[in-house]
C-alpha cells in the first residue's frame, strides 16, 4: 500500500512512523496498561479506577491517565472533580520558558491526569477535533511529572478511533484489558478491540465482563439482567482469558457517585489484578 503520509491514522508498521513519545525529564512509568472496549457504556472508567485502586493497595504505585478527553469521568469517582492540576514553569535548555503539570493525587496516592483537572468548570464541554484531542493525550504522557509509577492505567474512549490509536502509537503499552457486557453484541465488541491490538502488536491480557448479573439480596441468586452471557465462548474463540465477571451492585454505584471508589473491595477482580502485576 502506498504511503499517504498520515502516520496518525495509519495501521501499518513501517520505518517512517515516529518512535514512542518520551516522558519528561524526572518522570518514570514502568508499565502501561490500556483499558479499552469496542463500544461505550460498558464501564471502562469504573474498571480502570478499580484496577488502579487494587494495585495501589497491593503496595505498588498506580496512576491513571484519563484519555477520554471529551467525556472524562475518572475524577468524580475519586472525589476530585473540583480539583485543578497545578502547572509548573521552568527554563528550557535553550533559555526559553517551558512548563509541565503535576499529577493530581487521590487519598491513597494514586496519581492521575484528566481533562477535568484543566477545565474552568467540570461541566465545560470540550469541543475539539480528533487531532487536537490526540495531541492532548500525548501531552498527558509527555508533560506530566509522573513520579515513580509502577503501573499506569490508560482509560481509553470507546471504539478504535483516533485516541486509542494515539495511545497505542505514542505510549509503550505493555498490554490491554478489554471490558465488555453480557449483551449479544459482545463478540463484535471484543473482536474490534482484539483486531486493533493485534495490528499494533500489543498483547491482550484478558477480558473483564461488567454488569454480569445482579445478586438477590434475600437469596443470593444471580439474576442475569441481560440474559445468559456468551463471554466464555468469545474468550475461547479468541484464546483470551476471562479475568473477571463483575456484578451490578448498589454499593459500587453509591461509592462512585460519592467519590469514594477507593473504599471498595471487589473480590471478583483478584485474578485481573494478579494478571496485571505479573506483566
C-alpha atoms as a PDB file:
ATOM      1  CA  UNK A   1       0.000   0.000   0.000  1.00  0.00           C
ATOM      2  CA  UNK A   2       1.318   3.435  -0.937  1.00  0.00           C
ATOM      3  CA  UNK A   3       2.137   5.749   1.950  1.00  0.00           C
ATOM      4  CA  UNK A   4      -0.314   8.625   2.286  1.00  0.00           C
ATOM      5  CA  UNK A   5       1.909  10.497   4.724  1.00  0.00           C
ATOM      6  CA  UNK A   6      -0.608  10.444   7.584  1.00  0.00           C
ATOM      7  CA  UNK A   7       1.016   8.389  10.352  1.00  0.00           C
ATOM      8  CA  UNK A   8      -1.684   9.243  12.908  1.00  0.00           C
ATOM      9  CA  UNK A   9      -4.314   7.254  11.011  1.00  0.00           C
ATOM     10  CA  UNK A  10      -2.088   4.533   9.556  1.00  0.00           C
ATOM     11  CA  UNK A  11      -2.170   0.961  10.859  1.00  0.00           C
ATOM     12  CA  UNK A  12       0.986  -0.208   9.064  1.00  0.00           C
ATOM     13  CA  UNK A  13       4.257  -0.833  10.839  1.00  0.00           C
ATOM     14  CA  UNK A  14       6.884   0.991   8.829  1.00  0.00           C
ATOM     15  CA  UNK A  15      10.166   2.766   9.440  1.00  0.00           C
ATOM     16  CA  UNK A  16       8.594   6.168   8.719  1.00  0.00           C
ATOM     17  CA  UNK A  17       6.429   6.024  11.823  1.00  0.00           C
ATOM     18  CA  UNK A  18       7.561   8.122  14.797  1.00  0.00           C
ATOM     19  CA  UNK A  19       9.019   6.430  17.846  1.00  0.00           C
ATOM     20  CA  UNK A  20       7.119   6.316  21.134  1.00  0.00           C
ATOM     21  CA  UNK A  21       6.818   9.653  22.871  1.00  0.00           C
ATOM     22  CA  UNK A  22       9.211  10.102  25.773  1.00  0.00           C
ATOM     23  CA  UNK A  23       8.356  11.159  29.303  1.00  0.00           C
ATOM     24  CA  UNK A  24       9.613  14.463  30.582  1.00  0.00           C
ATOM     25  CA  UNK A  25      12.894  14.554  32.496  1.00  0.00           C
ATOM     26  CA  UNK A  26      12.492  13.173  36.007  1.00  0.00           C
ATOM     27  CA  UNK A  27       9.262  11.260  35.288  1.00  0.00           C
ATOM     28  CA  UNK A  28       9.089   7.473  35.480  1.00  0.00           C
ATOM     29  CA  UNK A  29       6.445   4.933  34.421  1.00  0.00           C
ATOM     30  CA  UNK A  30       7.393   1.251  34.411  1.00  0.00           C
ATOM     31  CA  UNK A  31       4.299  -0.436  32.937  1.00  0.00           C
ATOM     32  CA  UNK A  32       1.369   0.874  30.881  1.00  0.00           C
ATOM     33  CA  UNK A  33      -1.958  -0.975  30.710  1.00  0.00           C
ATOM     34  CA  UNK A  34      -4.687   0.189  28.327  1.00  0.00           C
ATOM     35  CA  UNK A  35      -8.348  -0.351  29.242  1.00  0.00           C
ATOM     36  CA  UNK A  36     -10.445  -0.484  26.067  1.00  0.00           C
ATOM     37  CA  UNK A  37     -13.735  -1.563  24.525  1.00  0.00           C
ATOM     38  CA  UNK A  38     -15.345  -1.649  21.102  1.00  0.00           C
ATOM     39  CA  UNK A  39     -18.344   0.369  22.355  1.00  0.00           C
ATOM     40  CA  UNK A  40     -19.307   2.853  25.036  1.00  0.00           C
ATOM     41  CA  UNK A  41     -21.288   2.385  28.215  1.00  0.00           C
ATOM     42  CA  UNK A  42     -19.623  -0.838  29.327  1.00  0.00           C
ATOM     43  CA  UNK A  43     -17.820   0.581  32.372  1.00  0.00           C
ATOM     44  CA  UNK A  44     -14.236   1.127  31.230  1.00  0.00           C
ATOM     45  CA  UNK A  45     -13.717   4.040  33.610  1.00  0.00           C
ATOM     46  CA  UNK A  46     -15.086   2.017  36.517  1.00  0.00           C
ATOM     47  CA  UNK A  47     -12.827  -0.939  35.730  1.00  0.00           C
ATOM     48  CA  UNK A  48      -9.831   1.382  35.235  1.00  0.00           C
ATOM     49  CA  UNK A  49     -10.420   3.004  38.612  1.00  0.00           C
ATOM     50  CA  UNK A  50     -10.987  -0.290  40.446  1.00  0.00           C
ATOM     51  CA  UNK A  51      -7.831  -1.834  38.982  1.00  0.00           C
ATOM     52  CA  UNK A  52      -5.755   1.208  39.933  1.00  0.00           C
ATOM     53  CA  UNK A  53      -7.153   1.117  43.482  1.00  0.00           C
ATOM     54  CA  UNK A  54      -6.397  -2.599  43.851  1.00  0.00           C
ATOM     55  CA  UNK A  55      -2.849  -2.219  42.520  1.00  0.00           C
ATOM     56  CA  UNK A  56      -2.225   0.729  44.851  1.00  0.00           C
ATOM     57  CA  UNK A  57      -3.451  -1.353  47.805  1.00  0.00           C
ATOM     58  CA  UNK A  58      -1.055  -4.133  46.798  1.00  0.00           C
ATOM     59  CA  UNK A  59       1.863  -1.833  47.589  1.00  0.00           C
ATOM     60  CA  UNK A  60       2.692  -0.750  44.040  1.00  0.00           C
ATOM     61  CA  UNK A  61       2.416   2.828  42.817  1.00  0.00           C
ATOM     62  CA  UNK A  62      -0.573   3.223  40.470  1.00  0.00           C
ATOM     63  CA  UNK A  63      -1.535   6.005  38.089  1.00  0.00           C
ATOM     64  CA  UNK A  64      -4.451   6.764  35.774  1.00  0.00           C
ATOM     65  CA  UNK A  65      -4.183   8.643  32.501  1.00  0.00           C
ATOM     66  CA  UNK A  66      -7.741   9.598  31.533  1.00  0.00           C
ATOM     67  CA  UNK A  67      -7.593   9.547  27.728  1.00  0.00           C
ATOM     68  CA  UNK A  68     -11.333  10.121  27.368  1.00  0.00           C
ATOM     69  CA  UNK A  69     -10.799  13.817  26.706  1.00  0.00           C
ATOM     70  CA  UNK A  70     -14.367  14.737  25.770  1.00  0.00           C
ATOM     71  CA  UNK A  71     -16.087  12.623  28.429  1.00  0.00           C
ATOM     72  CA  UNK A  72     -13.804  12.395  31.467  1.00  0.00           C
ATOM     73  CA  UNK A  73     -15.364  10.688  34.486  1.00  0.00           C
ATOM     74  CA  UNK A  74     -12.382   9.438  36.496  1.00  0.00           C
ATOM     75  CA  UNK A  75     -12.026  12.493  38.805  1.00  0.00           C
ATOM     76  CA  UNK A  76     -15.578  12.266  40.172  1.00  0.00           C
ATOM     77  CA  UNK A  77     -15.114   8.610  41.158  1.00  0.00           C
ATOM     78  CA  UNK A  78     -12.266   9.710  43.422  1.00  0.00           C
ATOM     79  CA  UNK A  79     -13.953  12.856  44.715  1.00  0.00           C
ATOM     80  CA  UNK A  80     -11.507  15.060  42.815  1.00  0.00           C
ATOM     81  CA  UNK A  81     -13.866  16.702  40.330  1.00  0.00           C
ATOM     82  CA  UNK A  82     -13.339  20.154  41.871  1.00  0.00           C
ATOM     83  CA  UNK A  83      -9.532  19.934  41.843  1.00  0.00           C
ATOM     84  CA  UNK A  84      -7.362  21.719  39.277  1.00  0.00           C
ATOM     85  CA  UNK A  85      -3.968  20.458  38.134  1.00  0.00           C
ATOM     86  CA  UNK A  86      -1.021  22.602  39.152  1.00  0.00           C
ATOM     87  CA  UNK A  87       1.279  23.844  36.384  1.00  0.00           C
ATOM     88  CA  UNK A  88       4.979  24.476  36.975  1.00  0.00           C
ATOM     89  CA  UNK A  89       7.232  26.755  34.928  1.00  0.00           C
ATOM     90  CA  UNK A  90      10.868  26.125  34.088  1.00  0.00           C
ATOM     91  CA  UNK A  91      13.629  27.225  31.752  1.00  0.00           C
ATOM     92  CA  UNK A  92      14.315  25.063  28.723  1.00  0.00           C
ATOM     93  CA  UNK A  93      17.862  24.237  27.674  1.00  0.00           C
ATOM     94  CA  UNK A  94      17.689  26.943  25.009  1.00  0.00           C
ATOM     95  CA  UNK A  95      16.684  29.524  27.620  1.00  0.00           C
ATOM     96  CA  UNK A  96      13.033  29.733  26.590  1.00  0.00           C
ATOM     97  CA  UNK A  97      10.166  29.397  29.030  1.00  0.00           C
ATOM     98  CA  UNK A  98       8.651  25.941  29.414  1.00  0.00           C
ATOM     99  CA  UNK A  99       6.492  24.089  31.841  1.00  0.00           C
ATOM    100  CA  UNK A 100       4.849  20.909  32.976  1.00  0.00           C
ATOM    101  CA  UNK A 101       1.903  19.673  35.009  1.00  0.00           C
ATOM    102  CA  UNK A 102       1.908  17.979  38.383  1.00  0.00           C
ATOM    103  CA  UNK A 103      -0.292  14.903  38.576  1.00  0.00           C
ATOM    104  CA  UNK A 104      -3.277  15.070  40.911  1.00  0.00           C
ATOM    105  CA  UNK A 105      -3.148  12.512  43.727  1.00  0.00           C
ATOM    106  CA  UNK A 106      -6.047  10.658  45.294  1.00  0.00           C
ATOM    107  CA  UNK A 107      -6.416   9.974  49.016  1.00  0.00           C
ATOM    108  CA  UNK A 108      -4.424   6.742  48.710  1.00  0.00           C
ATOM    109  CA  UNK A 109      -1.771   8.316  46.487  1.00  0.00           C
ATOM    110  CA  UNK A 110      -2.924   7.227  43.028  1.00  0.00           C
ATOM    111  CA  UNK A 111      -1.528   9.718  40.513  1.00  0.00           C
ATOM    112  CA  UNK A 112      -3.846  10.851  37.746  1.00  0.00           C
ATOM    113  CA  UNK A 113      -4.358  13.339  34.967  1.00  0.00           C
ATOM    114  CA  UNK A 114      -7.691  14.121  33.354  1.00  0.00           C
ATOM    115  CA  UNK A 115      -9.092  16.882  31.184  1.00  0.00           C
ATOM    116  CA  UNK A 116     -11.429  17.780  34.036  1.00  0.00           C
ATOM    117  CA  UNK A 117      -8.409  18.951  36.046  1.00  0.00           C
ATOM    118  CA  UNK A 118      -7.749  21.589  33.367  1.00  0.00           C
ATOM    119  CA  UNK A 119     -11.241  22.871  32.567  1.00  0.00           C
ATOM    120  CA  UNK A 120     -12.573  26.093  34.139  1.00  0.00           C
ATOM    121  CA  UNK A 121     -15.714  24.185  35.215  1.00  0.00           C
ATOM    122  CA  UNK A 122     -16.230  20.422  35.357  1.00  0.00           C
ATOM    123  CA  UNK A 123     -19.267  20.708  33.062  1.00  0.00           C
ATOM    124  CA  UNK A 124     -17.412  22.775  30.435  1.00  0.00           C
ATOM    125  CA  UNK A 125     -17.635  20.948  27.077  1.00  0.00           C
ATOM    126  CA  UNK A 126     -14.514  20.009  25.144  1.00  0.00           C
ATOM    127  CA  UNK A 127     -15.401  20.749  21.528  1.00  0.00           C
ATOM    128  CA  UNK A 128     -12.250  19.643  19.742  1.00  0.00           C
ATOM    129  CA  UNK A 129     -11.490  17.702  16.592  1.00  0.00           C
ATOM    130  CA  UNK A 130      -9.602  14.405  16.611  1.00  0.00           C
ATOM    131  CA  UNK A 131      -6.021  15.661  16.024  1.00  0.00           C
ATOM    132  CA  UNK A 132      -6.277  18.186  18.869  1.00  0.00           C
ATOM    133  CA  UNK A 133      -7.680  15.524  21.212  1.00  0.00           C
ATOM    134  CA  UNK A 134      -4.863  13.185  20.233  1.00  0.00           C
ATOM    135  CA  UNK A 135      -2.350  15.931  20.976  1.00  0.00           C
ATOM    136  CA  UNK A 136      -3.820  16.414  24.452  1.00  0.00           C
ATOM    137  CA  UNK A 137      -3.483  12.689  25.185  1.00  0.00           C
ATOM    138  CA  UNK A 138       0.178  12.810  24.135  1.00  0.00           C
ATOM    139  CA  UNK A 139       0.756  15.786  26.421  1.00  0.00           C
ATOM    140  CA  UNK A 140      -0.770  13.922  29.355  1.00  0.00           C
ATOM    141  CA  UNK A 141       2.035  11.409  28.790  1.00  0.00           C
ATOM    142  CA  UNK A 142       4.909  13.763  27.985  1.00  0.00           C
ATOM    143  CA  UNK A 143       4.139  16.909  30.009  1.00  0.00           C
ATOM    144  CA  UNK A 144       3.079  15.492  33.379  1.00  0.00           C
ATOM    145  CA  UNK A 145       5.518  14.744  36.180  1.00  0.00           C
ATOM    146  CA  UNK A 146       4.676  11.083  36.781  1.00  0.00           C
ATOM    147  CA  UNK A 147       6.530  10.089  39.939  1.00  0.00           C
ATOM    148  CA  UNK A 148       7.944   6.545  40.085  1.00  0.00           C
ATOM    149  CA  UNK A 149       4.780   4.919  38.705  1.00  0.00           C
ATOM    150  CA  UNK A 150       4.803   1.113  38.701  1.00  0.00           C
ATOM    151  CA  UNK A 151       1.552   0.642  36.763  1.00  0.00           C
ATOM    152  CA  UNK A 152      -0.245   3.269  34.710  1.00  0.00           C
ATOM    153  CA  UNK A 153      -3.790   2.530  33.548  1.00  0.00           C
ATOM    154  CA  UNK A 154      -4.965   4.396  30.453  1.00  0.00           C
ATOM    155  CA  UNK A 155      -8.742   4.835  30.284  1.00  0.00           C
ATOM    156  CA  UNK A 156      -9.428   4.945  26.543  1.00  0.00           C
ATOM    157  CA  UNK A 157     -12.644   6.254  24.987  1.00  0.00           C
ATOM    158  CA  UNK A 158     -14.806   3.652  23.210  1.00  0.00           C
ATOM    159  CA  UNK A 159     -14.100   2.362  19.737  1.00  0.00           C
ATOM    160  CA  UNK A 160     -10.965   2.095  17.641  1.00  0.00           C
ATOM    161  CA  UNK A 161     -10.544   5.696  16.527  1.00  0.00           C
ATOM    162  CA  UNK A 162      -8.003   8.476  16.948  1.00  0.00           C
ATOM    163  CA  UNK A 163      -7.442   8.333  20.699  1.00  0.00           C
ATOM    164  CA  UNK A 164      -6.849   4.569  21.142  1.00  0.00           C
ATOM    165  CA  UNK A 165      -4.597   4.724  18.083  1.00  0.00           C
ATOM    166  CA  UNK A 166      -2.694   7.653  19.597  1.00  0.00           C
ATOM    167  CA  UNK A 167      -2.289   5.753  22.877  1.00  0.00           C
ATOM    168  CA  UNK A 168      -1.034   2.599  21.140  1.00  0.00           C
ATOM    169  CA  UNK A 169       1.392   4.508  18.912  1.00  0.00           C
ATOM    170  CA  UNK A 170       2.665   7.092  21.402  1.00  0.00           C
ATOM    171  CA  UNK A 171       2.991   5.106  24.627  1.00  0.00           C
ATOM    172  CA  UNK A 172       4.875   1.878  25.388  1.00  0.00           C
ATOM    173  CA  UNK A 173       1.693  -0.090  26.120  1.00  0.00           C
ATOM    174  CA  UNK A 174       2.538  -3.420  27.769  1.00  0.00           C
ATOM    175  CA  UNK A 175      -0.932  -4.909  27.374  1.00  0.00           C
ATOM    176  CA  UNK A 176      -4.626  -4.126  27.179  1.00  0.00           C
ATOM    177  CA  UNK A 177      -7.674  -5.254  29.115  1.00  0.00           C
ATOM    178  CA  UNK A 178     -10.949  -5.392  27.213  1.00  0.00           C
ATOM    179  CA  UNK A 179     -14.160  -4.510  29.039  1.00  0.00           C
ATOM    180  CA  UNK A 180     -17.457  -5.930  27.793  1.00  0.00           C
ATOM    181  CA  UNK A 181     -21.011  -6.656  28.928  1.00  0.00           C
ATOM    182  CA  UNK A 182     -23.213  -9.764  28.540  1.00  0.00           C
ATOM    183  CA  UNK A 183     -25.283  -8.479  25.610  1.00  0.00           C
ATOM    184  CA  UNK A 184     -25.337 -10.356  22.320  1.00  0.00           C
ATOM    185  CA  UNK A 185     -23.013  -7.868  20.627  1.00  0.00           C
ATOM    186  CA  UNK A 186     -20.178  -8.857  22.951  1.00  0.00           C
ATOM    187  CA  UNK A 187     -18.410 -10.782  20.184  1.00  0.00           C
ATOM    188  CA  UNK A 188     -18.336  -7.717  17.914  1.00  0.00           C
ATOM    189  CA  UNK A 189     -17.161  -5.518  20.792  1.00  0.00           C
ATOM    190  CA  UNK A 190     -14.315  -7.865  21.669  1.00  0.00           C
ATOM    191  CA  UNK A 191     -13.384  -8.634  18.063  1.00  0.00           C
ATOM    192  CA  UNK A 192     -12.821  -4.973  17.204  1.00  0.00           C
ATOM    193  CA  UNK A 193     -10.585  -4.426  20.233  1.00  0.00           C
ATOM    194  CA  UNK A 194      -8.643  -7.653  19.666  1.00  0.00           C
ATOM    195  CA  UNK A 195      -8.056  -6.901  15.991  1.00  0.00           C
ATOM    196  CA  UNK A 196      -6.785  -3.421  16.777  1.00  0.00           C
ATOM    197  CA  UNK A 197      -4.436  -4.752  19.451  1.00  0.00           C
ATOM    198  CA  UNK A 198      -3.119  -7.387  17.045  1.00  0.00           C
ATOM    199  CA  UNK A 199      -2.497  -4.777  14.343  1.00  0.00           C
ATOM    200  CA  UNK A 200      -0.492  -2.725  16.850  1.00  0.00           C
ATOM    201  CA  UNK A 201       1.349  -5.797  18.208  1.00  0.00           C
ATOM    202  CA  UNK A 202       0.064  -5.253  21.751  1.00  0.00           C
ATOM    203  CA  UNK A 203      -0.836  -8.282  23.891  1.00  0.00           C
ATOM    204  CA  UNK A 204      -4.388  -8.684  25.177  1.00  0.00           C
ATOM    205  CA  UNK A 205      -4.178  -9.571  28.870  1.00  0.00           C
ATOM    206  CA  UNK A 206      -7.808 -10.645  29.122  1.00  0.00           C
ATOM    207  CA  UNK A 207     -11.442  -9.644  29.265  1.00  0.00           C
ATOM    208  CA  UNK A 208     -13.452  -8.279  32.166  1.00  0.00           C
ATOM    209  CA  UNK A 209     -17.207  -8.635  31.837  1.00  0.00           C
ATOM    210  CA  UNK A 210     -19.027  -5.854  33.648  1.00  0.00           C
ATOM    211  CA  UNK A 211     -22.702  -5.851  34.679  1.00  0.00           C
ATOM    212  CA  UNK A 212     -22.716  -9.651  34.509  1.00  0.00           C
ATOM    213  CA  UNK A 213     -25.533 -10.162  36.992  1.00  0.00           C
ATOM    214  CA  UNK A 214     -27.390  -8.808  39.992  1.00  0.00           C
ATOM    215  CA  UNK A 215     -27.292 -10.802  43.210  1.00  0.00           C
ATOM    216  CA  UNK A 216     -30.619 -11.083  45.020  1.00  0.00           C
ATOM    217  CA  UNK A 217     -30.233  -9.526  48.499  1.00  0.00           C
ATOM    218  CA  UNK A 218     -32.556 -12.154  50.019  1.00  0.00           C
ATOM    219  CA  UNK A 219     -31.484 -15.471  48.478  1.00  0.00           C
ATOM    220  CA  UNK A 220     -28.163 -14.531  46.781  1.00  0.00           C
ATOM    221  CA  UNK A 221     -29.397 -15.933  43.473  1.00  0.00           C
ATOM    222  CA  UNK A 222     -27.654 -14.443  40.433  1.00  0.00           C
ATOM    223  CA  UNK A 223     -30.156 -12.651  38.194  1.00  0.00           C
ATOM    224  CA  UNK A 224     -28.952 -12.239  34.599  1.00  0.00           C
ATOM    225  CA  UNK A 225     -30.389  -8.848  33.651  1.00  0.00           C
ATOM    226  CA  UNK A 226     -29.055  -9.062  30.091  1.00  0.00           C
ATOM    227  CA  UNK A 227     -29.724 -12.786  29.669  1.00  0.00           C
ATOM    228  CA  UNK A 228     -27.181 -15.568  29.549  1.00  0.00           C
ATOM    229  CA  UNK A 229     -23.633 -14.429  28.910  1.00  0.00           C
ATOM    230  CA  UNK A 230     -21.627 -15.728  25.954  1.00  0.00           C
ATOM    231  CA  UNK A 231     -18.333 -14.385  27.240  1.00  0.00           C
ATOM    232  CA  UNK A 232     -16.771 -17.812  27.824  1.00  0.00           C
ATOM    233  CA  UNK A 233     -17.367 -18.775  24.182  1.00  0.00           C
ATOM    234  CA  UNK A 234     -15.919 -15.481  22.999  1.00  0.00           C
ATOM    235  CA  UNK A 235     -12.833 -15.877  25.181  1.00  0.00           C
ATOM    236  CA  UNK A 236     -12.317 -19.387  23.860  1.00  0.00           C
ATOM    237  CA  UNK A 237     -12.697 -18.274  20.248  1.00  0.00           C
ATOM    238  CA  UNK A 238     -10.080 -15.542  20.609  1.00  0.00           C
ATOM    239  CA  UNK A 239      -7.914 -17.512  23.049  1.00  0.00           C
ATOM    240  CA  UNK A 240      -8.123 -14.781  25.679  1.00  0.00           C
ATOM    241  CA  UNK A 241      -8.562 -15.392  29.425  1.00  0.00           C
ATOM    242  CA  UNK A 242     -11.695 -14.226  31.214  1.00  0.00           C
ATOM    243  CA  UNK A 243     -10.271 -12.244  34.127  1.00  0.00           C
ATOM    244  CA  UNK A 244     -13.455 -11.284  35.965  1.00  0.00           C
ATOM    245  CA  UNK A 245     -17.241 -11.121  35.883  1.00  0.00           C
ATOM    246  CA  UNK A 246     -18.367  -8.072  37.831  1.00  0.00           C
ATOM    247  CA  UNK A 247     -21.883  -7.878  39.286  1.00  0.00           C
ATOM    248  CA  UNK A 248     -24.115  -4.818  39.310  1.00  0.00           C
ATOM    249  CA  UNK A 249     -24.129  -3.661  42.938  1.00  0.00           C
ATOM    250  CA  UNK A 250     -25.794  -0.698  44.570  1.00  0.00           C
ATOM    251  CA  UNK A 251     -22.895  -0.031  46.936  1.00  0.00           C
ATOM    252  CA  UNK A 252     -20.496   0.235  43.991  1.00  0.00           C
ATOM    253  CA  UNK A 253     -22.663   2.835  42.284  1.00  0.00           C
ATOM    254  CA  UNK A 254     -23.134   4.749  45.547  1.00  0.00           C
ATOM    255  CA  UNK A 255     -19.386   4.794  46.277  1.00  0.00           C
ATOM    256  CA  UNK A 256     -18.557   6.060  42.789  1.00  0.00           C
ATOM    257  CA  UNK A 257     -21.220   8.789  42.952  1.00  0.00           C
ATOM    258  CA  UNK A 258     -19.891   9.886  46.349  1.00  0.00           C
ATOM    259  CA  UNK A 259     -16.272   9.915  45.170  1.00  0.00           C
ATOM    260  CA  UNK A 260     -15.343   7.050  47.493  1.00  0.00           C
ATOM    261  CA  UNK A 261     -14.282   4.401  44.999  1.00  0.00           C
ATOM    262  CA  UNK A 262     -11.074   3.762  46.956  1.00  0.00           C
ATOM    263  CA  UNK A 263     -13.142   2.344  49.820  1.00  0.00           C
ATOM    264  CA  UNK A 264     -14.484  -0.515  47.692  1.00  0.00           C
ATOM    265  CA  UNK A 265     -13.143  -4.055  47.907  1.00  0.00           C
ATOM    266  CA  UNK A 266     -14.028  -6.045  44.776  1.00  0.00           C
ATOM    267  CA  UNK A 267     -13.107  -9.699  45.338  1.00  0.00           C
ATOM    268  CA  UNK A 268     -14.024 -10.609  41.746  1.00  0.00           C
ATOM    269  CA  UNK A 269     -11.052  -8.583  40.454  1.00  0.00           C
ATOM    270  CA  UNK A 270      -8.401 -10.702  42.185  1.00  0.00           C
ATOM    271  CA  UNK A 271      -7.370 -12.641  39.066  1.00  0.00           C
ATOM    272  CA  UNK A 272      -7.293  -9.487  36.941  1.00  0.00           C
ATOM    273  CA  UNK A 273      -5.050  -7.712  39.444  1.00  0.00           C
ATOM    274  CA  UNK A 274      -2.704 -10.707  39.585  1.00  0.00           C
ATOM    275  CA  UNK A 275      -2.525 -10.688  35.796  1.00  0.00           C
ATOM    276  CA  UNK A 276      -1.584  -7.009  35.781  1.00  0.00           C
ATOM    277  CA  UNK A 277       1.047  -7.386  38.499  1.00  0.00           C
ATOM    278  CA  UNK A 278       2.636 -10.225  36.508  1.00  0.00           C
ATOM    279  CA  UNK A 279       3.148  -8.074  33.383  1.00  0.00           C
END
